[in-house]
Amino acid sequence: MASPQQGDSVLRAGPLEVRFEERTVLADERPLMLTVREFQILTALVARADRIVSREDIYGAVWNQEMRDHDRSVDVYVSKVRNKLEDALPHWNYIQTHIGFGYCFSPRPAVES
């Protein structure tokens, strides 16, 4: 199982590379097109790799304010990021949902069925 490695503001997790200072993401050495908000969501999760991050904590890190009741912004953006990662790297899973708790960036090869 590959685990994230961060150094010189670059994280590598399997074929995914997040370049923080450049604000770019590479999937198999190809640019992955993310919006600013999607990049912020991804980096909020990557910064806490292998730990469950609550929706409220993600919201605070990205929007710099408290999340309002019934706001689904985090879920929508996490879904968009997850879909882009899965499209670009179909043999990998990067973001796991922990229902009632939040999300976790924990890269692992996808299980073939």
Protein backbone atom coordinates (compact mmCIF):
# COMPACT_ATOMS: atom_id res chain seq x y z
CA MET A 1 0.00 0.00 0.00
CA ALA A 2 1.37 3.41 -0.94
CA SER A 3 1.30 6.15 1.63
CA PRO A 4 1.60 9.87 1.02
CA GLN A 5 5.07 11.30 1.19
CA GLN A 6 5.52 15.03 1.55
CA GLY A 7 8.77 16.86 0.93
CA ASP A 8 9.64 20.16 -0.68
CA SER A 9 5.88 20.91 -0.74
CA VAL A 10 5.15 17.97 -3.03
CA LEU A 11 3.06 14.99 -2.01
CA ARG A 12 3.26 11.71 -3.89
CA ALA A 13 0.71 8.97 -3.34
CA GLY A 14 0.91 6.24 -5.94
CA PRO A 15 0.59 7.87 -9.37
CA LEU A 16 -0.83 11.08 -7.84
CA GLU A 17 1.39 14.10 -7.25
CA VAL A 18 0.19 17.25 -5.48
CA ARG A 19 2.47 20.26 -5.91
CA PHE A 20 1.37 22.70 -3.25
CA GLU A 21 3.46 25.74 -4.19
CA GLU A 22 2.64 25.39 -7.88
CA ARG A 23 -1.01 24.66 -7.07
CA THR A 24 -1.03 21.78 -9.52
CA VAL A 25 -1.97 18.12 -9.39
CA LEU A 26 -0.53 15.44 -11.66
CA ALA A 27 -2.14 12.06 -12.29
CA ASP A 28 0.27 9.64 -13.97
CA GLU A 29 2.40 12.71 -14.79
CA ARG A 30 -0.53 14.37 -16.62
CA PRO A 31 -2.11 17.57 -15.29
CA LEU A 32 -5.38 17.04 -13.46
CA MET A 33 -7.64 20.03 -13.98
CA LEU A 34 -9.14 21.15 -10.68
CA THR A 35 -10.93 24.38 -9.85
CA VAL A 36 -9.47 26.54 -7.09
CA ARG A 37 -12.07 25.24 -4.62
CA GLU A 38 -11.47 21.61 -5.62
CA PHE A 39 -7.72 22.08 -5.12
CA GLN A 40 -8.40 23.59 -1.69
CA ILE A 41 -10.59 20.64 -0.72
CA LEU A 42 -7.95 18.16 -1.86
CA THR A 43 -5.14 19.92 -0.01
CA ALA A 44 -7.27 20.21 3.16
CA LEU A 45 -7.61 16.42 3.09
CA VAL A 46 -4.02 15.73 2.02
CA ALA A 47 -2.70 17.88 4.89
CA ARG A 48 -4.44 15.47 7.26
CA ALA A 49 -3.69 12.25 5.34
CA ASP A 50 -4.83 9.00 6.93
CA ARG A 51 -6.99 10.89 9.44
CA ILE A 52 -10.73 11.41 9.30
CA VAL A 53 -11.47 15.10 8.77
CA SER A 54 -14.92 16.36 9.69
CA ARG A 55 -17.02 18.25 7.17
CA GLU A 56 -16.89 21.24 9.53
CA ASP A 57 -13.09 21.18 9.65
CA ILE A 58 -12.85 20.95 5.86
CA TYR A 59 -15.32 23.81 5.49
CA GLY A 60 -13.36 25.95 7.93
CA ALA A 61 -10.07 25.24 6.16
CA VAL A 62 -11.47 26.04 2.71
CA TRP A 63 -14.07 28.76 3.29
CA ASN A 64 -12.46 30.25 6.45
CA GLN A 65 -15.73 30.39 8.32
CA GLU A 66 -18.11 28.17 10.26
CA MET A 67 -20.30 25.85 8.25
CA ARG A 68 -24.00 26.68 8.28
CA ASP A 69 -26.57 24.03 9.22
CA HIS A 70 -27.56 21.78 6.33
CA ASP A 71 -24.78 23.13 4.06
CA ARG A 72 -23.74 20.41 1.60
CA SER A 73 -20.90 22.33 -0.10
CA VAL A 74 -18.19 20.06 1.29
CA ASP A 75 -19.99 16.92 0.11
CA VAL A 76 -20.51 18.36 -3.38
CA TYR A 77 -16.87 19.37 -3.77
CA VAL A 78 -15.48 16.16 -2.29
CA SER A 79 -17.62 14.26 -4.79
CA LYS A 80 -16.26 16.35 -7.66
CA VAL A 81 -12.65 15.80 -6.56
CA ARG A 82 -13.23 12.08 -6.03
CA ASN A 83 -14.79 11.73 -9.50
CA LYS A 84 -11.89 13.53 -11.17
CA LEU A 85 -9.37 11.38 -9.34
CA GLU A 86 -11.23 8.18 -10.22
CA ASP A 87 -11.52 9.22 -13.88
CA ALA A 88 -7.81 10.01 -14.09
CA LEU A 89 -6.61 7.10 -11.94
CA PRO A 90 -9.27 4.37 -12.09
CA HIS A 91 -7.09 1.79 -10.35
CA TRP A 92 -6.73 3.91 -7.22
CA ASN A 93 -8.99 5.07 -4.39
CA TYR A 94 -7.94 8.24 -2.64
CA ILE A 95 -10.83 9.64 -0.61
CA GLN A 96 -12.89 7.49 1.72
CA THR A 97 -16.19 8.54 3.27
CA HIS A 98 -16.75 7.83 6.94
CA ILE A 99 -20.49 8.31 7.33
CA GLY A 100 -21.33 10.56 10.25
CA PHE A 101 -17.67 11.49 10.77
CA GLY A 102 -16.20 13.00 7.57
CA TYR A 103 -13.67 12.15 4.89
CA CYS A 104 -10.20 10.65 4.84
CA PHE A 105 -7.41 10.94 2.27
CA SER A 106 -5.98 7.44 2.42
CA PRO A 107 -4.59 6.32 -0.95
CA ARG A 108 -4.78 2.66 -1.88
CA PRO A 109 -4.96 0.61 -5.02
CA ALA A 110 -8.55 -0.19 -5.99
CA VAL A 111 -9.70 -3.72 -5.34
CA GLU A 112 -10.49 -5.52 -8.58
CA SER A 113 -13.79 -7.42 -8.55
